[in-house]
C-alpha atoms as a PDB file:
ATOM      1  CA  UNK A   1     -40.014 -73.205 -27.097  1.00  0.00           C
ATOM      2  CA  UNK A   2     -38.590 -70.222 -28.997  1.00  0.00           C
ATOM      3  CA  UNK A   3     -40.616 -67.785 -26.862  1.00  0.00           C
ATOM      4  CA  UNK A   4     -39.232 -69.401 -23.699  1.00  0.00           C
ATOM      5  CA  UNK A   5     -35.683 -69.071 -25.048  1.00  0.00           C
ATOM      6  CA  UNK A   6     -36.209 -65.364 -25.868  1.00  0.00           C
ATOM      7  CA  UNK A   7     -37.686 -64.740 -22.426  1.00  0.00           C
ATOM      8  CA  UNK A   8     -34.678 -66.403 -20.769  1.00  0.00           C
ATOM      9  CA  UNK A   9     -32.304 -64.394 -22.947  1.00  0.00           C
ATOM     10  CA  UNK A  10     -34.079 -61.153 -22.022  1.00  0.00           C
ATOM     11  CA  UNK A  11     -33.878 -62.045 -18.325  1.00  0.00           C
ATOM     12  CA  UNK A  12     -30.099 -62.354 -18.630  1.00  0.00           C
ATOM     13  CA  UNK A  13     -29.569 -59.018 -20.403  1.00  0.00           C
ATOM     14  CA  UNK A  14     -32.196 -56.748 -18.840  1.00  0.00           C
ATOM     15  CA  UNK A  15     -30.630 -56.538 -15.350  1.00  0.00           C
ATOM     16  CA  UNK A  16     -27.302 -55.399 -16.810  1.00  0.00           C
ATOM     17  CA  UNK A  17     -29.040 -52.794 -18.957  1.00  0.00           C
ATOM     18  CA  UNK A  18     -31.035 -51.408 -16.060  1.00  0.00           C
ATOM     19  CA  UNK A  19     -27.890 -50.825 -13.990  1.00  0.00           C
ATOM     20  CA  UNK A  20     -26.369 -48.550 -16.625  1.00  0.00           C
ATOM     21  CA  UNK A  21     -29.601 -46.677 -17.283  1.00  0.00           C
ATOM     22  CA  UNK A  22     -30.663 -46.091 -13.681  1.00  0.00           C
ATOM     23  CA  UNK A  23     -30.270 -42.874 -11.716  1.00  0.00           C
ATOM     24  CA  UNK A  24     -27.833 -44.460  -9.256  1.00  0.00           C
ATOM     25  CA  UNK A  25     -24.280 -44.806 -10.475  1.00  0.00           C
ATOM     26  CA  UNK A  26     -21.543 -47.138  -9.343  1.00  0.00           C
ATOM     27  CA  UNK A  27     -19.639 -44.621  -7.173  1.00  0.00           C
ATOM     28  CA  UNK A  28     -22.121 -44.529  -4.315  1.00  0.00           C
ATOM     29  CA  UNK A  29     -25.164 -42.370  -3.715  1.00  0.00           C
ATOM     30  CA  UNK A  30     -23.901 -40.740  -0.523  1.00  0.00           C
ATOM     31  CA  UNK A  31     -23.907 -38.061   0.529  1.00  0.00           C
ATOM     32  CA  UNK A  32     -27.186 -36.720  -0.841  1.00  0.00           C
ATOM     33  CA  UNK A  33     -26.710 -33.673  -3.106  1.00  0.00           C
ATOM     34  CA  UNK A  34     -28.002 -31.180  -0.520  1.00  0.00           C
ATOM     35  CA  UNK A  35     -25.526 -32.520   2.067  1.00  0.00           C
ATOM     36  CA  UNK A  36     -22.659 -32.382  -0.453  1.00  0.00           C
ATOM     37  CA  UNK A  37     -23.509 -28.733  -1.231  1.00  0.00           C
ATOM     38  CA  UNK A  38     -23.488 -27.897   2.489  1.00  0.00           C
ATOM     39  CA  UNK A  39     -20.153 -29.691   2.982  1.00  0.00           C
ATOM     40  CA  UNK A  40     -18.568 -27.754   0.125  1.00  0.00           C
ATOM     41  CA  UNK A  41     -19.946 -24.449   1.416  1.00  0.00           C
ATOM     42  CA  UNK A  42     -18.457 -25.146   4.876  1.00  0.00           C
ATOM     43  CA  UNK A  43     -15.094 -26.562   3.822  1.00  0.00           C
ATOM     44  CA  UNK A  44     -11.833 -24.836   4.786  1.00  0.00           C
ATOM     45  CA  UNK A  45     -10.440 -22.264   2.388  1.00  0.00           C
ATOM     46  CA  UNK A  46      -6.783 -21.824   1.649  1.00  0.00           C
ATOM     47  CA  UNK A  47      -4.016 -21.712  -0.914  1.00  0.00           C
ATOM     48  CA  UNK A  48      -4.759 -25.171  -2.296  1.00  0.00           C
ATOM     49  CA  UNK A  49      -7.258 -27.053  -4.428  1.00  0.00           C
ATOM     50  CA  UNK A  50      -9.474 -30.014  -3.742  1.00  0.00           C
ATOM     51  CA  UNK A  51      -8.482 -32.810  -6.076  1.00  0.00           C
ATOM     52  CA  UNK A  52     -10.271 -35.981  -7.034  1.00  0.00           C
ATOM     53  CA  UNK A  53      -8.157 -38.655  -8.688  1.00  0.00           C
ATOM     54  CA  UNK A  54      -9.749 -39.909 -11.893  1.00  0.00           C
ATOM     55  CA  UNK A  55      -7.926 -42.830 -13.468  1.00  0.00           C
ATOM     56  CA  UNK A  56      -8.805 -44.071 -16.947  1.00  0.00           C
ATOM     57  CA  UNK A  57      -6.463 -46.638 -18.499  1.00  0.00           C
ATOM     58  CA  UNK A  58      -4.009 -45.351 -21.104  1.00  0.00           C
ATOM     59  CA  UNK A  59      -4.690 -41.688 -20.292  1.00  0.00           C
ATOM     60  CA  UNK A  60      -2.216 -39.329 -18.637  1.00  0.00           C
ATOM     61  CA  UNK A  61      -4.474 -36.786 -17.023  1.00  0.00           C
ATOM     62  CA  UNK A  62      -4.454 -36.890 -13.226  1.00  0.00           C
ATOM     63  CA  UNK A  63      -7.983 -35.946 -12.226  1.00  0.00           C
ATOM     64  CA  UNK A  64     -10.248 -33.049 -11.334  1.00  0.00           C
ATOM     65  CA  UNK A  65      -9.248 -29.955  -9.335  1.00  0.00           C
ATOM     66  CA  UNK A  66     -11.614 -27.402  -7.869  1.00  0.00           C
ATOM     67  CA  UNK A  67     -11.192 -24.284  -5.763  1.00  0.00           C
ATOM     68  CA  UNK A  68     -12.301 -24.584  -2.114  1.00  0.00           C
ATOM     69  CA  UNK A  69     -15.968 -23.667  -1.772  1.00  0.00           C
ATOM     70  CA  UNK A  70     -16.686 -24.226  -5.465  1.00  0.00           C
ATOM     71  CA  UNK A  71     -18.945 -26.990  -6.753  1.00  0.00           C
ATOM     72  CA  UNK A  72     -17.431 -29.920  -8.629  1.00  0.00           C
ATOM     73  CA  UNK A  73     -19.288 -28.678 -11.721  1.00  0.00           C
ATOM     74  CA  UNK A  74     -16.531 -26.024 -11.874  1.00  0.00           C
ATOM     75  CA  UNK A  75     -13.718 -28.569 -11.545  1.00  0.00           C
ATOM     76  CA  UNK A  76     -11.034 -28.846 -14.225  1.00  0.00           C
ATOM     77  CA  UNK A  77      -9.552 -32.074 -15.493  1.00  0.00           C
ATOM     78  CA  UNK A  78      -5.782 -31.517 -15.327  1.00  0.00           C
ATOM     79  CA  UNK A  79      -2.449 -32.977 -16.318  1.00  0.00           C
ATOM     80  CA  UNK A  80       0.141 -32.755 -13.566  1.00  0.00           C
ATOM     81  CA  UNK A  81       3.607 -31.386 -14.169  1.00  0.00           C
ATOM     82  CA  UNK A  82       5.673 -33.443 -11.721  1.00  0.00           C
ATOM     83  CA  UNK A  83       8.893 -31.392 -11.881  1.00  0.00           C
ATOM     84  CA  UNK A  84       8.638 -30.454  -8.182  1.00  0.00           C
ATOM     85  CA  UNK A  85       6.593 -33.317  -6.733  1.00  0.00           C
ATOM     86  CA  UNK A  86       5.535 -36.735  -8.036  1.00  0.00           C
ATOM     87  CA  UNK A  87       1.806 -37.401  -8.040  1.00  0.00           C
ATOM     88  CA  UNK A  88       0.377 -39.540  -5.215  1.00  0.00           C
ATOM     89  CA  UNK A  89       0.258 -42.803  -7.174  1.00  0.00           C
ATOM     90  CA  UNK A  90       3.630 -42.556  -8.900  1.00  0.00           C
ATOM     91  CA  UNK A  91       4.728 -46.183  -8.687  1.00  0.00           C
ATOM     92  CA  UNK A  92       6.067 -48.432 -11.418  1.00  0.00           C
ATOM     93  CA  UNK A  93       3.258 -48.845 -13.929  1.00  0.00           C
ATOM     94  CA  UNK A  94       4.012 -52.426 -14.981  1.00  0.00           C
ATOM     95  CA  UNK A  95       5.062 -53.884 -11.627  1.00  0.00           C
ATOM     96  CA  UNK A  96       3.216 -55.566  -8.810  1.00  0.00           C
ATOM     97  CA  UNK A  97       0.402 -53.781  -7.015  1.00  0.00           C
ATOM     98  CA  UNK A  98       0.011 -51.098  -5.956  1.00  0.00           C
ATOM     99  CA  UNK A  99       0.624 -49.452  -9.279  1.00  0.00           C
ATOM    100  CA  UNK A 100      -0.475 -46.473 -11.329  1.00  0.00           C
ATOM    101  CA  UNK A 101      -4.109 -45.569 -10.754  1.00  0.00           C
ATOM    102  CA  UNK A 102      -4.572 -47.453  -7.493  1.00  0.00           C
ATOM    103  CA  UNK A 103      -5.984 -44.293  -5.902  1.00  0.00           C
ATOM    104  CA  UNK A 104      -8.897 -43.746  -8.277  1.00  0.00           C
ATOM    105  CA  UNK A 105     -11.559 -41.530  -6.673  1.00  0.00           C
ATOM    106  CA  UNK A 106      -9.406 -40.651  -3.637  1.00  0.00           C
ATOM    107  CA  UNK A 107      -9.815 -37.034  -2.576  1.00  0.00           C
ATOM    108  CA  UNK A 108      -6.779 -34.846  -1.829  1.00  0.00           C
ATOM    109  CA  UNK A 109      -5.769 -31.345  -0.899  1.00  0.00           C
ATOM    110  CA  UNK A 110      -3.566 -30.393  -3.840  1.00  0.00           C
ATOM    111  CA  UNK A 111      -0.924 -27.670  -3.624  1.00  0.00           C
ATOM    112  CA  UNK A 112       0.652 -25.933  -6.593  1.00  0.00           C
ATOM    113  CA  UNK A 113      -0.403 -23.684  -9.418  1.00  0.00           C
ATOM    114  CA  UNK A 114      -1.702 -23.705 -12.960  1.00  0.00           C
ATOM    115  CA  UNK A 115       1.179 -23.054 -15.357  1.00  0.00           C
ATOM    116  CA  UNK A 116      -0.930 -21.381 -18.029  1.00  0.00           C
ATOM    117  CA  UNK A 117      -0.033 -24.082 -20.547  1.00  0.00           C
ATOM    118  CA  UNK A 118      -2.585 -26.287 -22.265  1.00  0.00           C
ATOM    119  CA  UNK A 119      -1.499 -29.823 -23.106  1.00  0.00           C
ATOM    120  CA  UNK A 120      -2.970 -32.351 -25.501  1.00  0.00           C
ATOM    121  CA  UNK A 121      -3.901 -35.724 -24.006  1.00  0.00           C
ATOM    122  CA  UNK A 122      -4.095 -37.976 -27.090  1.00  0.00           C
ATOM    123  CA  UNK A 123      -5.837 -41.013 -25.604  1.00  0.00           C
ATOM    124  CA  UNK A 124      -8.861 -38.967 -24.537  1.00  0.00           C
ATOM    125  CA  UNK A 125      -8.502 -36.423 -27.374  1.00  0.00           C
ATOM    126  CA  UNK A 126      -8.658 -33.469 -24.977  1.00  0.00           C
ATOM    127  CA  UNK A 127      -6.723 -30.242 -24.473  1.00  0.00           C
ATOM    128  CA  UNK A 128      -6.252 -29.872 -20.713  1.00  0.00           C
ATOM    129  CA  UNK A 129      -4.618 -27.357 -18.380  1.00  0.00           C
ATOM    130  CA  UNK A 130      -1.226 -28.177 -16.908  1.00  0.00           C
ATOM    131  CA  UNK A 131      -0.889 -27.969 -13.117  1.00  0.00           C
ATOM    132  CA  UNK A 132       2.507 -27.795 -11.397  1.00  0.00           C
ATOM    133  CA  UNK A 133       2.157 -30.056  -8.355  1.00  0.00           C
ATOM    134  CA  UNK A 134       4.151 -29.006  -5.273  1.00  0.00           C
ATOM    135  CA  UNK A 135       2.493 -31.115  -2.551  1.00  0.00           C
ATOM    136  CA  UNK A 136      -0.629 -33.053  -1.579  1.00  0.00           C
ATOM    137  CA  UNK A 137      -2.452 -34.419   1.467  1.00  0.00           C
ATOM    138  CA  UNK A 138      -4.904 -37.324   1.356  1.00  0.00           C
ATOM    139  CA  UNK A 139      -8.351 -36.342   2.655  1.00  0.00           C
ATOM    140  CA  UNK A 140     -10.329 -39.557   2.137  1.00  0.00           C
ATOM    141  CA  UNK A 141     -10.222 -42.837   0.224  1.00  0.00           C
ATOM    142  CA  UNK A 142     -14.033 -43.028  -0.051  1.00  0.00           C
ATOM    143  CA  UNK A 143     -15.558 -39.649  -0.941  1.00  0.00           C
ATOM    144  CA  UNK A 144     -18.468 -41.090  -2.948  1.00  0.00           C
ATOM    145  CA  UNK A 145     -19.734 -39.575  -6.176  1.00  0.00           C
ATOM    146  CA  UNK A 146     -18.026 -36.619  -7.825  1.00  0.00           C
ATOM    147  CA  UNK A 147     -20.532 -34.715  -9.978  1.00  0.00           C
ATOM    148  CA  UNK A 148     -23.818 -36.483  -9.304  1.00  0.00           C
ATOM    149  CA  UNK A 149     -25.140 -39.577  -7.494  1.00  0.00           C
ATOM    150  CA  UNK A 150     -25.665 -41.036 -10.977  1.00  0.00           C
ATOM    151  CA  UNK A 151     -21.912 -40.912 -11.784  1.00  0.00           C
ATOM    152  CA  UNK A 152     -20.800 -44.052 -13.553  1.00  0.00           C
ATOM    153  CA  UNK A 153     -17.105 -44.949 -13.480  1.00  0.00           C
ATOM    154  CA  UNK A 154     -15.593 -46.998 -16.296  1.00  0.00           C
ATOM    155  CA  UNK A 155     -11.815 -47.650 -16.059  1.00  0.00           C
ATOM    156  CA  UNK A 156     -11.342 -47.772 -19.847  1.00  0.00           C
ATOM    157  CA  UNK A 157     -13.505 -44.853 -20.990  1.00  0.00           C
ATOM    158  CA  UNK A 158     -13.970 -41.227 -19.923  1.00  0.00           C
ATOM    159  CA  UNK A 159     -17.418 -41.226 -18.301  1.00  0.00           C
ATOM    160  CA  UNK A 160     -17.142 -38.619 -15.538  1.00  0.00           C
ATOM    161  CA  UNK A 161     -17.834 -35.130 -16.850  1.00  0.00           C
ATOM    162  CA  UNK A 162     -19.027 -32.083 -14.901  1.00  0.00           C
ATOM    163  CA  UNK A 163     -22.808 -31.784 -14.580  1.00  0.00           C
ATOM    164  CA  UNK A 164     -25.144 -29.784 -12.410  1.00  0.00           C
ATOM    165  CA  UNK A 165     -26.594 -31.421  -9.336  1.00  0.00           C
END
């Protein structure tokens, strides 16, 4: 009877463990890495950055910015200075939906400049560059993975960090 109980218990926990240990993350496996590289190589250049919103509860960074044509492995996690323009999801944080962070993983064209300042983000214990936001344009609400098809998003913990793909 005890062996049957342990087998049943293992059956409950093993599927959840395999999801977090597998090579496929929870942000989608498309496009394949070779297609993503080709898309980045062919994307328009200009005086802007490609930005990917990355929302983690209780943090105040905005997300990752990268230069057009550069891989996401070169992206920088930034804190926006909103003196000239509010960030795309600047709604009341405690009110009804939509609220702060609703646009997690949306991809934008981001306009502005790095200020040269480094700011401390205490909830993630990181020193991050400050970016003065002047404008933005939404590109897509469903861009898929950011760094790798195995990206795993957790809304309460920093899990997305640049890697090679």
